[in-house]
Amino acid sequence: MSPKIINREKRTAEITRAALDVFSVKGYSAASVGQIAATAKIAKGTIYEYFETKEDLYIAAVMLFVDGFQSSLKSLLENIDDPLTRLITFTKSSLDICDRNDAETTYLFVDILQQSLLKNGVFYNRRYLVREMLLGFRKIITNILLDGVSKGIFKPEIAKDAEKIATNLLAFLDGASLHTKMTENYFDIPSQLDYFMQYLTQSILLNPENYDLNATIAEQAGN
């Protein structure tokens, strides 16, 4: 009988997917390699043929989550020609991570923050990886802003500050996400987003009087 040929790349992806499923429910500290192996339907020892440590598994799982989230955003935005609509759609879709019905994604989001901020966290001494992950989101926003400038929709002077605007927008999204979870949905995220986007779009549009911002924001929030 010839030996069974294992597709290493496929097996790695399967293990990483199983790890993401487990970490999303239990978090890094409570999850075990054995639980991940069981989810992947393989022997525990097989895990170590592909990943040296549990930390390596966690990093791979988080990167899978981030890459998937970014890919979903790009697919959603690629057929939207208007930069303003694209920007509003990005912010609305990004805050979907706080969907009250998506407890696992929210739990993973909080766990990633914990693993980045605590000294014994997986990402504490690897925060360059977090920067790299956030860079992808910042690039999406920056490209939207620069596209808006090139099309004469956004003010030309914002081009030089596009990355700063992108960084501030991400900071708002992260902050809003944390506040609503820490206070058990004390405030309504959609209304806060509408308020924030009113001020942001007013400040970057070349001719804001040509837009019904309330209608545009409300339309995208309803999609």
N, C-alpha and C. Protein backbone atom coordinates (compact mmCIF):
# COMPACT_ATOMS: atom_id res chain seq x y z
N MET A 1 0.85 -1.20 0.00
CA MET A 1 0.00 0.00 0.00
C MET A 1 0.88 1.24 0.00
N SER A 2 0.65 2.14 -0.92
CA SER A 2 1.46 3.36 -1.00
C SER A 2 1.09 4.30 0.14
N PRO A 3 2.08 5.06 0.64
CA PRO A 3 1.80 5.98 1.75
C PRO A 3 0.83 7.09 1.34
N LYS A 4 0.02 7.52 2.31
CA LYS A 4 -0.94 8.58 2.05
C LYS A 4 -0.21 9.91 1.87
N ILE A 5 -0.51 10.59 0.79
CA ILE A 5 0.14 11.88 0.51
C ILE A 5 -0.66 12.99 1.18
N ILE A 6 0.01 13.75 2.01
CA ILE A 6 -0.62 14.86 2.73
C ILE A 6 -0.29 16.18 2.05
N ASN A 7 -1.29 16.94 1.73
CA ASN A 7 -1.10 18.29 1.20
C ASN A 7 -0.82 19.20 2.40
N ARG A 8 0.45 19.53 2.57
CA ARG A 8 0.87 20.27 3.77
C ARG A 8 0.20 21.65 3.85
N GLU A 9 0.10 22.31 2.73
CA GLU A 9 -0.51 23.64 2.73
C GLU A 9 -1.98 23.56 3.13
N LYS A 10 -2.67 22.56 2.60
CA LYS A 10 -4.09 22.38 2.94
C LYS A 10 -4.25 22.01 4.41
N ARG A 11 -3.41 21.13 4.92
CA ARG A 11 -3.50 20.72 6.32
C ARG A 11 -3.21 21.90 7.24
N THR A 12 -2.23 22.72 6.89
CA THR A 12 -1.92 23.91 7.69
C THR A 12 -3.14 24.83 7.76
N ALA A 13 -3.79 25.02 6.62
CA ALA A 13 -4.98 25.88 6.57
C ALA A 13 -6.11 25.30 7.42
N GLU A 14 -6.27 23.99 7.40
CA GLU A 14 -7.32 23.34 8.19
C GLU A 14 -7.06 23.51 9.68
N ILE A 15 -5.81 23.35 10.08
CA ILE A 15 -5.46 23.52 11.50
C ILE A 15 -5.66 24.97 11.93
N THR A 16 -5.25 25.88 11.08
CA THR A 16 -5.39 27.31 11.41
C THR A 16 -6.86 27.68 11.55
N ARG A 17 -7.69 27.15 10.67
CA ARG A 17 -9.14 27.42 10.73
C ARG A 17 -9.73 26.86 12.02
N ALA A 18 -9.31 25.65 12.38
CA ALA A 18 -9.78 25.04 13.63
C ALA A 18 -9.32 25.86 14.83
N ALA A 19 -8.08 26.35 14.79
CA ALA A 19 -7.55 27.18 15.87
C ALA A 19 -8.36 28.46 16.02
N LEU A 20 -8.71 29.06 14.90
CA LEU A 20 -9.50 30.30 14.94
C LEU A 20 -10.87 30.03 15.56
N ASP A 21 -11.48 28.91 15.21
CA ASP A 21 -12.78 28.55 15.80
C ASP A 21 -12.68 28.41 17.32
N VAL A 22 -11.62 27.77 17.79
CA VAL A 22 -11.46 27.54 19.23
C VAL A 22 -11.10 28.83 19.96
N PHE A 23 -10.15 29.59 19.43
CA PHE A 23 -9.74 30.84 20.08
C PHE A 23 -10.88 31.85 20.12
N SER A 24 -11.76 31.82 19.13
CA SER A 24 -12.89 32.76 19.08
C SER A 24 -13.89 32.48 20.20
N VAL A 25 -13.91 31.26 20.68
CA VAL A 25 -14.84 30.88 21.74
C VAL A 25 -14.18 30.95 23.12
N LYS A 26 -12.95 30.49 23.21
CA LYS A 26 -12.29 30.35 24.51
C LYS A 26 -11.23 31.40 24.80
N GLY A 27 -10.73 32.09 23.77
CA GLY A 27 -9.62 33.00 23.99
C GLY A 27 -8.32 32.23 24.07
N TYR A 28 -7.21 32.95 24.05
CA TYR A 28 -5.91 32.29 24.02
C TYR A 28 -5.64 31.49 25.30
N SER A 29 -5.87 32.09 26.44
CA SER A 29 -5.47 31.48 27.71
C SER A 29 -6.23 30.18 27.99
N ALA A 30 -7.53 30.16 27.73
CA ALA A 30 -8.34 28.99 28.07
C ALA A 30 -8.30 27.90 27.01
N ALA A 31 -7.90 28.25 25.82
CA ALA A 31 -7.86 27.25 24.74
C ALA A 31 -6.65 26.33 24.90
N SER A 32 -6.79 25.11 24.44
CA SER A 32 -5.67 24.16 24.50
C SER A 32 -5.39 23.60 23.11
N VAL A 33 -4.18 23.15 22.92
CA VAL A 33 -3.80 22.54 21.65
C VAL A 33 -4.64 21.28 21.42
N GLY A 34 -4.94 20.56 22.50
CA GLY A 34 -5.77 19.37 22.39
C GLY A 34 -7.15 19.69 21.84
N GLN A 35 -7.75 20.79 22.30
CA GLN A 35 -9.07 21.19 21.82
C GLN A 35 -9.02 21.55 20.33
N ILE A 36 -7.93 22.20 19.95
CA ILE A 36 -7.77 22.57 18.54
C ILE A 36 -7.61 21.31 17.68
N ALA A 37 -6.82 20.36 18.18
CA ALA A 37 -6.63 19.10 17.45
C ALA A 37 -7.96 18.37 17.29
N ALA A 38 -8.75 18.37 18.35
CA ALA A 38 -10.05 17.70 18.29
C ALA A 38 -10.96 18.37 17.28
N THR A 39 -10.94 19.69 17.24
CA THR A 39 -11.75 20.43 16.28
C THR A 39 -11.30 20.14 14.85
N ALA A 40 -9.98 20.02 14.67
CA ALA A 40 -9.43 19.72 13.35
C ALA A 40 -9.53 18.24 13.00
N LYS A 41 -9.93 17.42 13.99
CA LYS A 41 -10.07 15.96 13.81
C LYS A 41 -8.74 15.30 13.45
N ILE A 42 -7.71 15.70 14.19
CA ILE A 42 -6.39 15.10 14.01
C ILE A 42 -5.80 14.84 15.40
N ALA A 43 -4.73 14.10 15.45
CA ALA A 43 -4.05 13.84 16.72
C ALA A 43 -3.34 15.10 17.20
N LYS A 44 -3.28 15.24 18.53
CA LYS A 44 -2.62 16.42 19.10
C LYS A 44 -1.18 16.56 18.60
N GLY A 45 -0.47 15.44 18.50
CA GLY A 45 0.92 15.49 18.06
C GLY A 45 1.08 16.00 16.65
N THR A 46 0.05 15.82 15.84
CA THR A 46 0.11 16.29 14.45
C THR A 46 0.21 17.81 14.39
N ILE A 47 -0.41 18.47 15.35
CA ILE A 47 -0.37 19.93 15.40
C ILE A 47 1.07 20.42 15.38
N TYR A 48 1.92 19.75 16.16
CA TYR A 48 3.30 20.22 16.31
C TYR A 48 4.17 19.89 15.09
N GLU A 49 3.63 19.17 14.15
CA GLU A 49 4.32 18.98 12.89
C GLU A 49 4.18 20.21 11.99
N TYR A 50 3.21 21.07 12.36
CA TYR A 50 2.92 22.25 11.54
C TYR A 50 3.16 23.56 12.29
N PHE A 51 3.03 23.53 13.60
CA PHE A 51 3.23 24.72 14.42
C PHE A 51 4.07 24.35 15.64
N GLU A 52 5.10 25.13 15.92
CA GLU A 52 6.00 24.80 17.02
C GLU A 52 5.35 25.02 18.38
N THR A 53 4.54 26.09 18.49
CA THR A 53 3.97 26.42 19.80
C THR A 53 2.50 26.85 19.65
N LYS A 54 1.82 26.91 20.78
CA LYS A 54 0.46 27.42 20.82
C LYS A 54 0.43 28.89 20.40
N GLU A 55 1.47 29.64 20.76
CA GLU A 55 1.56 31.05 20.36
C GLU A 55 1.58 31.17 18.84
N ASP A 56 2.34 30.31 18.18
CA ASP A 56 2.40 30.34 16.71
C ASP A 56 1.01 30.07 16.11
N LEU A 57 0.30 29.15 16.74
CA LEU A 57 -1.06 28.84 16.30
C LEU A 57 -1.97 30.06 16.43
N TYR A 58 -1.85 30.75 17.55
CA TYR A 58 -2.69 31.92 17.81
C TYR A 58 -2.40 33.01 16.79
N ILE A 59 -1.13 33.27 16.54
CA ILE A 59 -0.75 34.30 15.57
C ILE A 59 -1.30 33.97 14.19
N ALA A 60 -1.17 32.71 13.78
CA ALA A 60 -1.68 32.29 12.47
C ALA A 60 -3.19 32.45 12.40
N ALA A 61 -3.88 32.10 13.50
CA ALA A 61 -5.34 32.20 13.52
C ALA A 61 -5.80 33.65 13.44
N VAL A 62 -5.13 34.54 14.19
CA VAL A 62 -5.50 35.96 14.16
C VAL A 62 -5.25 36.54 12.78
N MET A 63 -4.13 36.17 12.17
CA MET A 63 -3.84 36.68 10.82
C MET A 63 -4.87 36.18 9.81
N LEU A 64 -5.34 34.94 9.99
CA LEU A 64 -6.38 34.41 9.13
C LEU A 64 -7.65 35.24 9.28
N PHE A 65 -7.99 35.57 10.52
CA PHE A 65 -9.17 36.39 10.79
C PHE A 65 -9.04 37.76 10.15
N VAL A 66 -7.90 38.42 10.35
CA VAL A 66 -7.69 39.77 9.81
C VAL A 66 -7.69 39.75 8.28
N ASP A 67 -6.99 38.78 7.70
CA ASP A 67 -6.95 38.68 6.23
C ASP A 67 -8.34 38.47 5.67
N GLY A 68 -9.14 37.64 6.34
CA GLY A 68 -10.50 37.39 5.88
C GLY A 68 -11.36 38.63 5.98
N PHE A 69 -11.19 39.37 7.08
CA PHE A 69 -11.96 40.60 7.28
C PHE A 69 -11.60 41.64 6.23
N GLN A 70 -10.30 41.78 5.96
CA GLN A 70 -9.86 42.72 4.95
C GLN A 70 -10.35 42.32 3.56
N SER A 71 -10.29 41.05 3.25
CA SER A 71 -10.75 40.57 1.94
C SER A 71 -12.24 40.84 1.75
N SER A 72 -13.01 40.62 2.82
CA SER A 72 -14.45 40.88 2.75
C SER A 72 -14.72 42.36 2.49
N LEU A 73 -13.95 43.22 3.17
CA LEU A 73 -14.12 44.66 2.97
C LEU A 73 -13.78 45.06 1.54
N LYS A 74 -12.67 44.53 1.03
CA LYS A 74 -12.25 44.87 -0.33
C LYS A 74 -13.27 44.41 -1.35
N SER A 75 -13.82 43.22 -1.17
CA SER A 75 -14.84 42.71 -2.09
C SER A 75 -16.09 43.57 -2.05
N LEU A 76 -16.43 44.04 -0.86
CA LEU A 76 -17.61 44.88 -0.69
C LEU A 76 -17.44 46.23 -1.36
N LEU A 77 -16.21 46.75 -1.33
CA LEU A 77 -15.95 48.11 -1.81
C LEU A 77 -15.59 48.19 -3.29
N GLU A 78 -15.14 47.09 -3.87
CA GLU A 78 -14.55 47.16 -5.21
C GLU A 78 -15.53 47.60 -6.30
N ASN A 79 -16.82 47.39 -6.09
CA ASN A 79 -17.80 47.78 -7.10
C ASN A 79 -18.50 49.11 -6.78
N ILE A 80 -18.00 49.81 -5.77
CA ILE A 80 -18.56 51.12 -5.41
C ILE A 80 -17.65 52.20 -5.98
N ASP A 81 -18.14 52.95 -6.94
CA ASP A 81 -17.30 53.93 -7.63
C ASP A 81 -17.16 55.23 -6.83
N ASP A 82 -18.22 55.65 -6.18
CA ASP A 82 -18.20 56.93 -5.47
C ASP A 82 -17.37 56.83 -4.19
N PRO A 83 -16.31 57.63 -4.06
CA PRO A 83 -15.43 57.55 -2.88
C PRO A 83 -16.14 57.83 -1.56
N LEU A 84 -17.10 58.76 -1.56
CA LEU A 84 -17.81 59.07 -0.33
C LEU A 84 -18.62 57.87 0.14
N THR A 85 -19.36 57.26 -0.80
CA THR A 85 -20.14 56.07 -0.47
C THR A 85 -19.23 54.94 -0.01
N ARG A 86 -18.06 54.82 -0.64
CA ARG A 86 -17.11 53.78 -0.28
C ARG A 86 -16.59 53.99 1.14
N LEU A 87 -16.31 55.24 1.49
CA LEU A 87 -15.79 55.55 2.83
C LEU A 87 -16.83 55.25 3.90
N ILE A 88 -18.07 55.65 3.65
CA ILE A 88 -19.13 55.39 4.62
C ILE A 88 -19.40 53.90 4.74
N THR A 89 -19.37 53.20 3.63
CA THR A 89 -19.58 51.75 3.65
C THR A 89 -18.48 51.06 4.43
N PHE A 90 -17.24 51.52 4.27
CA PHE A 90 -16.12 50.94 5.02
C PHE A 90 -16.35 51.08 6.51
N THR A 91 -16.72 52.27 6.97
CA THR A 91 -16.88 52.50 8.40
C THR A 91 -18.03 51.68 8.96
N LYS A 92 -19.14 51.64 8.23
CA LYS A 92 -20.30 50.88 8.69
C LYS A 92 -19.96 49.40 8.78
N SER A 93 -19.30 48.88 7.76
CA SER A 93 -18.96 47.45 7.73
C SER A 93 -17.93 47.10 8.79
N SER A 94 -17.00 48.01 9.05
CA SER A 94 -15.99 47.76 10.07
C SER A 94 -16.62 47.65 11.46
N LEU A 95 -17.64 48.44 11.71
CA LEU A 95 -18.30 48.39 13.02
C LEU A 95 -19.23 47.20 13.17
N ASP A 96 -19.42 46.46 12.10
CA ASP A 96 -20.21 45.24 12.21
C ASP A 96 -19.54 44.24 13.15
N ILE A 97 -18.26 44.47 13.42
CA ILE A 97 -17.55 43.58 14.36
C ILE A 97 -18.18 43.65 15.74
N CYS A 98 -18.92 44.72 16.00
CA CYS A 98 -19.59 44.89 17.30
C CYS A 98 -21.03 44.39 17.28
N ASP A 99 -21.40 43.71 16.20
CA ASP A 99 -22.75 43.17 16.11
C ASP A 99 -23.06 42.36 17.37
N ARG A 100 -24.13 42.69 18.03
CA ARG A 100 -24.49 42.01 19.28
C ARG A 100 -24.70 40.52 19.09
N ASN A 101 -25.03 40.12 17.86
CA ASN A 101 -25.30 38.71 17.60
C ASN A 101 -24.05 37.94 17.19
N ASP A 102 -22.91 38.62 17.13
CA ASP A 102 -21.67 37.97 16.71
C ASP A 102 -20.71 37.95 17.89
N ALA A 103 -21.07 37.20 18.91
CA ALA A 103 -20.31 37.19 20.15
C ALA A 103 -18.90 36.65 19.96
N GLU A 104 -18.73 35.68 19.08
CA GLU A 104 -17.42 35.06 18.91
C GLU A 104 -16.41 36.05 18.30
N THR A 105 -16.84 36.79 17.29
CA THR A 105 -15.95 37.78 16.68
C THR A 105 -15.58 38.85 17.69
N THR A 106 -16.57 39.31 18.45
CA THR A 106 -16.31 40.32 19.47
C THR A 106 -15.34 39.79 20.52
N TYR A 107 -15.53 38.56 20.95
CA TYR A 107 -14.66 37.96 21.96
C TYR A 107 -13.22 37.88 21.45
N LEU A 108 -13.07 37.49 20.19
CA LEU A 108 -11.73 37.40 19.61
C LEU A 108 -11.10 38.79 19.53
N PHE A 109 -11.88 39.78 19.14
CA PHE A 109 -11.39 41.15 19.04
C PHE A 109 -10.83 41.62 20.39
N VAL A 110 -11.59 41.38 21.46
CA VAL A 110 -11.16 41.77 22.80
C VAL A 110 -9.94 40.97 23.24
N ASP A 111 -9.92 39.69 22.89
CA ASP A 111 -8.79 38.83 23.26
C ASP A 111 -7.50 39.28 22.58
N ILE A 112 -7.61 39.71 21.32
CA ILE A 112 -6.44 40.21 20.60
C ILE A 112 -5.88 41.45 21.30
N LEU A 113 -6.78 42.33 21.74
CA LEU A 113 -6.35 43.53 22.47
C LEU A 113 -5.63 43.14 23.76
N GLN A 114 -6.20 42.19 24.47
CA GLN A 114 -5.58 41.73 25.72
C GLN A 114 -4.20 41.14 25.46
N GLN A 115 -4.09 40.34 24.43
CA GLN A 115 -2.81 39.71 24.11
C GLN A 115 -1.79 40.70 23.57
N SER A 116 -2.24 41.90 23.23
CA SER A 116 -1.33 42.95 22.75
C SER A 116 -0.89 43.87 23.88
N LEU A 117 -1.74 44.05 24.89
CA LEU A 117 -1.49 45.04 25.94
C LEU A 117 -0.84 44.48 27.20
N LEU A 118 -1.13 43.23 27.52
CA LEU A 118 -0.58 42.63 28.74
C LEU A 118 0.83 42.11 28.49
N LYS A 119 1.69 42.24 29.50
CA LYS A 119 3.10 41.88 29.31
C LYS A 119 3.31 40.42 28.97
N ASN A 120 2.43 39.57 29.42
CA ASN A 120 2.58 38.15 29.09
C ASN A 120 1.74 37.75 27.87
N GLY A 121 1.24 38.75 27.16
CA GLY A 121 0.40 38.49 26.00
C GLY A 121 1.21 38.02 24.79
N VAL A 122 0.56 37.28 23.91
CA VAL A 122 1.21 36.74 22.72
C VAL A 122 1.81 37.84 21.85
N PHE A 123 1.08 38.95 21.73
CA PHE A 123 1.52 40.02 20.83
C PHE A 123 2.32 41.12 21.51
N TYR A 124 2.50 41.01 22.84
CA TYR A 124 3.14 42.12 23.56
C TYR A 124 4.53 42.44 23.00
N ASN A 125 5.32 41.41 22.75
CA ASN A 125 6.65 41.62 22.18
C ASN A 125 6.67 41.43 20.67
N ARG A 126 5.47 41.36 20.10
CA ARG A 126 5.35 41.21 18.64
C ARG A 126 4.36 42.23 18.09
N ARG A 127 4.35 43.41 18.71
CA ARG A 127 3.35 44.39 18.30
C ARG A 127 3.58 44.91 16.88
N TYR A 128 4.75 44.63 16.34
CA TYR A 128 4.99 44.96 14.94
C TYR A 128 4.02 44.18 14.04
N LEU A 129 3.61 42.99 14.51
CA LEU A 129 2.65 42.20 13.74
C LEU A 129 1.28 42.89 13.76
N VAL A 130 0.92 43.47 14.89
CA VAL A 130 -0.34 44.20 14.98
C VAL A 130 -0.30 45.42 14.07
N ARG A 131 0.84 46.11 14.05
CA ARG A 131 0.99 47.27 13.16
C ARG A 131 0.82 46.85 11.71
N GLU A 132 1.40 45.71 11.36
CA GLU A 132 1.29 45.23 9.98
C GLU A 132 -0.16 44.89 9.63
N MET A 133 -0.89 44.31 10.59
CA MET A 133 -2.28 43.97 10.35
C MET A 133 -3.13 45.23 10.17
N LEU A 134 -2.87 46.24 10.99
CA LEU A 134 -3.63 47.49 10.89
C LEU A 134 -3.27 48.27 9.63
N LEU A 135 -2.06 48.06 9.14
CA LEU A 135 -1.62 48.77 7.94
C LEU A 135 -2.55 48.50 6.76
N GLY A 136 -3.03 47.27 6.66
CA GLY A 136 -3.92 46.93 5.55
C GLY A 136 -5.20 47.75 5.59
N PHE A 137 -5.78 47.94 6.79
CA PHE A 137 -6.99 48.74 6.92
C PHE A 137 -6.69 50.21 6.63
N ARG A 138 -5.55 50.68 7.10
CA ARG A 138 -5.18 52.08 6.87
C ARG A 138 -4.99 52.36 5.38
N LYS A 139 -4.45 51.38 4.67
CA LYS A 139 -4.25 51.55 3.23
C LYS A 139 -5.58 51.64 2.49
N ILE A 140 -6.55 50.85 2.94
CA ILE A 140 -7.87 50.90 2.30
C ILE A 140 -8.45 52.30 2.41
N ILE A 141 -8.41 52.86 3.62
CA ILE A 141 -8.97 54.21 3.83
C ILE A 141 -8.18 55.25 3.07
N THR A 142 -6.86 55.17 3.14
CA THR A 142 -6.00 56.14 2.45
C THR A 142 -6.28 56.14 0.96
N ASN A 143 -6.42 54.97 0.38
CA ASN A 143 -6.69 54.87 -1.06
C ASN A 143 -8.04 55.47 -1.43
N ILE A 144 -9.03 55.29 -0.54
CA ILE A 144 -10.34 55.90 -0.79
C ILE A 144 -10.22 57.42 -0.79
N LEU A 145 -9.49 57.94 0.18
CA LEU A 145 -9.34 59.40 0.29
C LEU A 145 -8.61 59.97 -0.93
N LEU A 146 -7.53 59.31 -1.33
CA LEU A 146 -6.76 59.80 -2.48
C LEU A 146 -7.56 59.69 -3.77
N ASP A 147 -8.38 58.65 -3.88
CA ASP A 147 -9.25 58.51 -5.04
C ASP A 147 -10.26 59.64 -5.07
N GLY A 148 -10.78 59.99 -3.89
CA GLY A 148 -11.73 61.10 -3.82
C GLY A 148 -11.11 62.42 -4.22
N VAL A 149 -9.85 62.62 -3.85
CA VAL A 149 -9.13 63.83 -4.25
C VAL A 149 -8.96 63.85 -5.76
N SER A 150 -8.52 62.74 -6.34
CA SER A 150 -8.26 62.68 -7.78
C SER A 150 -9.54 62.89 -8.60
N LYS A 151 -10.69 62.54 -8.03
CA LYS A 151 -11.97 62.70 -8.73
C LYS A 151 -12.63 64.05 -8.45
N GLY A 152 -11.97 64.89 -7.67
CA GLY A 152 -12.49 66.21 -7.38
C GLY A 152 -13.65 66.22 -6.39
N ILE A 153 -13.76 65.15 -5.61
CA ILE A 153 -14.84 65.05 -4.62
C ILE A 153 -14.36 65.49 -3.24
N PHE A 154 -13.13 65.11 -2.89
CA PHE A 154 -12.54 65.54 -1.63
C PHE A 154 -11.57 66.69 -1.86
N LYS A 155 -11.37 67.48 -0.84
CA LYS A 155 -10.47 68.63 -0.93
C LYS A 155 -9.05 68.19 -1.29
N PRO A 156 -8.40 68.88 -2.23
CA PRO A 156 -7.05 68.47 -2.63
C PRO A 156 -6.04 68.53 -1.50
N GLU A 157 -6.25 69.42 -0.53
CA GLU A 157 -5.28 69.58 0.56
C GLU A 157 -5.27 68.41 1.53
N ILE A 158 -6.29 67.56 1.50
CA ILE A 158 -6.28 66.43 2.44
C ILE A 158 -5.36 65.31 1.97
N ALA A 159 -4.88 65.39 0.73
CA ALA A 159 -4.02 64.32 0.21
C ALA A 159 -2.79 64.12 1.09
N LYS A 160 -2.21 65.22 1.54
CA LYS A 160 -0.99 65.12 2.34
C LYS A 160 -1.26 64.55 3.74
N ASP A 161 -2.50 64.62 4.18
CA ASP A 161 -2.86 64.12 5.51
C ASP A 161 -3.72 62.86 5.44
N ALA A 162 -3.77 62.23 4.28
CA ALA A 162 -4.66 61.07 4.10
C ALA A 162 -4.38 59.97 5.11
N GLU A 163 -3.11 59.68 5.37
CA GLU A 163 -2.78 58.62 6.32
C GLU A 163 -3.16 59.00 7.74
N LYS A 164 -3.03 60.29 8.09
CA LYS A 164 -3.42 60.74 9.42
C LYS A 164 -4.93 60.63 9.60
N ILE A 165 -5.67 61.00 8.57
CA ILE A 165 -7.12 60.88 8.64
C ILE A 165 -7.52 59.42 8.79
N ALA A 166 -6.85 58.57 8.03
CA ALA A 166 -7.12 57.13 8.11
C ALA A 166 -6.84 56.60 9.51
N THR A 167 -5.74 57.02 10.10
CA THR A 167 -5.37 56.58 11.45
C THR A 167 -6.40 57.04 12.47
N ASN A 168 -6.87 58.28 12.34
CA ASN A 168 -7.87 58.80 13.27
C ASN A 168 -9.21 58.09 13.11
N LEU A 169 -9.57 57.76 11.88
CA LEU A 169 -10.82 57.05 11.66
C LEU A 169 -10.77 55.66 12.28
N LEU A 170 -9.64 54.97 12.12
CA LEU A 170 -9.49 53.65 12.74
C LEU A 170 -9.53 53.75 14.26
N ALA A 171 -8.93 54.81 14.80
CA ALA A 171 -8.94 55.01 16.25
C ALA A 171 -10.37 55.20 16.74
N PHE A 172 -11.17 55.95 15.99
CA PHE A 172 -12.58 56.13 16.37
C PHE A 172 -13.32 54.79 16.35
N LEU A 173 -13.11 54.01 15.30
CA LEU A 173 -13.80 52.73 15.18
C LEU A 173 -13.41 51.79 16.32
N ASP A 174 -12.12 51.73 16.63
CA ASP A 174 -11.67 50.89 17.74
C ASP A 174 -12.25 51.37 19.07
N GLY A 175 -12.20 52.69 19.27
CA GLY A 175 -12.70 53.26 20.52
C GLY A 175 -14.19 53.04 20.70
N ALA A 176 -14.96 53.24 19.63
CA ALA A 176 -16.40 53.04 19.70
C ALA A 176 -16.72 51.58 20.00
N SER A 177 -15.95 50.69 19.37
CA SER A 177 -16.16 49.26 19.59
C SER A 177 -15.93 48.89 21.05
N LEU A 178 -14.83 49.39 21.61
CA LEU A 178 -14.50 49.07 22.99
C LEU A 178 -15.51 49.67 23.97
N HIS A 179 -15.88 50.92 23.75
CA HIS A 179 -16.80 51.59 24.67
C HIS A 179 -18.15 50.89 24.72
N THR A 180 -18.66 50.50 23.56
CA THR A 180 -19.98 49.87 23.56
C THR A 180 -19.94 48.50 24.23
N LYS A 181 -18.82 47.79 24.13
CA LYS A 181 -18.73 46.49 24.78
C LYS A 181 -18.48 46.63 26.29
N MET A 182 -17.66 47.61 26.66
CA MET A 182 -17.34 47.82 28.08
C MET A 182 -18.57 48.29 28.87
N THR A 183 -19.48 48.98 28.17
CA THR A 183 -20.65 49.53 28.86
C THR A 183 -21.92 48.76 28.52
N GLU A 184 -21.77 47.56 27.98
CA GLU A 184 -22.93 46.72 27.63
C GLU A 184 -23.91 47.47 26.74
N ASN A 185 -23.35 47.98 25.63
CA ASN A 185 -24.16 48.67 24.62
C ASN A 185 -24.92 49.87 25.21
N TYR A 186 -24.21 50.64 26.06
CA TYR A 186 -24.82 51.80 26.70
C TYR A 186 -25.27 52.83 25.67
N PHE A 187 -24.48 53.01 24.61
CA PHE A 187 -24.89 53.94 23.57
C PHE A 187 -25.05 53.21 22.24
N ASP A 188 -25.78 53.86 21.36
CA ASP A 188 -26.11 53.26 20.07
C ASP A 188 -25.02 53.55 19.06
N ILE A 189 -24.30 52.50 18.65
CA ILE A 189 -23.17 52.69 17.74
C ILE A 189 -23.59 53.31 16.40
N PRO A 190 -24.66 52.85 15.76
CA PRO A 190 -25.03 53.45 14.47
C PRO A 190 -25.23 54.96 14.55
N SER A 191 -25.89 55.45 15.60
CA SER A 191 -26.11 56.89 15.71
C SER A 191 -24.80 57.63 15.98
N GLN A 192 -23.90 57.03 16.76
CA GLN A 192 -22.59 57.63 16.99
C GLN A 192 -21.78 57.69 15.70
N LEU A 193 -21.88 56.63 14.91
CA LEU A 193 -21.18 56.60 13.63
C LEU A 193 -21.73 57.69 12.70
N ASP A 194 -23.05 57.82 12.64
CA ASP A 194 -23.64 58.86 11.80
C ASP A 194 -23.14 60.24 12.21
N TYR A 195 -23.11 60.48 13.52
CA TYR A 195 -22.65 61.78 14.03
C TYR A 195 -21.20 62.04 13.65
N PHE A 196 -20.36 61.03 13.84
CA PHE A 196 -18.94 61.19 13.53
C PHE A 196 -18.74 61.42 12.03
N MET A 197 -19.43 60.63 11.21
CA MET A 197 -19.24 60.73 9.76
C MET A 197 -19.77 62.05 9.21
N GLN A 198 -20.76 62.63 9.85
CA GLN A 198 -21.24 63.95 9.44
C GLN A 198 -20.10 64.97 9.50
N TYR A 199 -19.38 64.97 10.62
CA TYR A 199 -18.30 65.92 10.80
C TYR A 199 -17.10 65.59 9.91
N LEU A 200 -16.79 64.32 9.78
CA LEU A 200 -15.64 63.95 8.95
C LEU A 200 -15.89 64.31 7.49
N THR A 201 -17.06 63.92 6.97
CA THR A 201 -17.32 64.18 5.56
C THR A 201 -17.43 65.68 5.27
N GLN A 202 -18.01 66.42 6.20
CA GLN A 202 -18.09 67.87 6.02
C GLN A 202 -16.70 68.48 5.90
N SER A 203 -15.74 67.92 6.61
CA SER A 203 -14.39 68.50 6.63
C SER A 203 -13.55 68.10 5.42
N ILE A 204 -13.90 67.01 4.75
CA ILE A 204 -13.06 66.56 3.63
C ILE A 204 -13.69 66.77 2.26
N LEU A 205 -15.02 66.97 2.21
CA LEU A 205 -15.66 67.18 0.91
C LEU A 205 -15.30 68.54 0.33
N LEU A 206 -15.04 68.55 -0.96
CA LEU A 206 -14.72 69.81 -1.64
C LEU A 206 -15.95 70.70 -1.71
N ASN A 207 -17.09 70.13 -2.00
CA ASN A 207 -18.35 70.88 -2.09
C ASN A 207 -19.45 70.16 -1.30
N PRO A 208 -19.40 70.24 0.02
CA PRO A 208 -20.38 69.50 0.84
C PRO A 208 -21.82 69.92 0.57
N GLU A 209 -22.00 71.16 0.08
CA GLU A 209 -23.36 71.62 -0.20
C GLU A 209 -24.03 70.84 -1.33
N ASN A 210 -23.22 70.12 -2.11
CA ASN A 210 -23.77 69.33 -3.21
C ASN A 210 -24.27 67.96 -2.76
N TYR A 211 -24.08 67.66 -1.49
CA TYR A 211 -24.44 66.33 -0.99
C TYR A 211 -25.50 66.43 0.10
N ASP A 212 -26.41 65.51 0.08
CA ASP A 212 -27.34 65.34 1.19
C ASP A 212 -26.72 64.28 2.09
N LEU A 213 -25.87 64.73 3.01
CA LEU A 213 -25.09 63.80 3.82
C LEU A 213 -25.97 62.92 4.69
N ASN A 214 -27.04 63.50 5.22
CA ASN A 214 -27.94 62.69 6.05
C ASN A 214 -28.50 61.52 5.26
N ALA A 215 -28.90 61.79 4.03
CA ALA A 215 -29.48 60.73 3.21
C ALA A 215 -28.43 59.70 2.82
N THR A 216 -27.23 60.16 2.47
CA THR A 216 -26.17 59.26 2.05
C THR A 216 -25.75 58.33 3.18
N ILE A 217 -25.56 58.90 4.36
CA ILE A 217 -25.15 58.10 5.53
C ILE A 217 -26.26 57.14 5.93
N ALA A 218 -27.51 57.64 5.93
CA ALA A 218 -28.63 56.79 6.32
C ALA A 218 -28.80 55.63 5.33
N GLU A 219 -28.60 55.93 4.06
CA GLU A 219 -28.74 54.88 3.03
C GLU A 219 -27.75 53.76 3.23
N GLN A 220 -26.48 54.14 3.50
CA GLN A 220 -25.45 53.12 3.69
C GLN A 220 -25.63 52.38 5.01
N ALA A 221 -26.11 53.08 6.02
CA ALA A 221 -26.34 52.42 7.31
C ALA A 221 -27.44 51.38 7.20
N GLY A 222 -28.34 51.58 6.23
CA GLY A 222 -29.44 50.64 6.08
C GLY A 222 -29.10 49.44 5.24
N ASN A 223 -27.93 49.47 4.56
CA ASN A 223 -27.53 48.36 3.68
C ASN A 223 -26.92 47.22 4.48
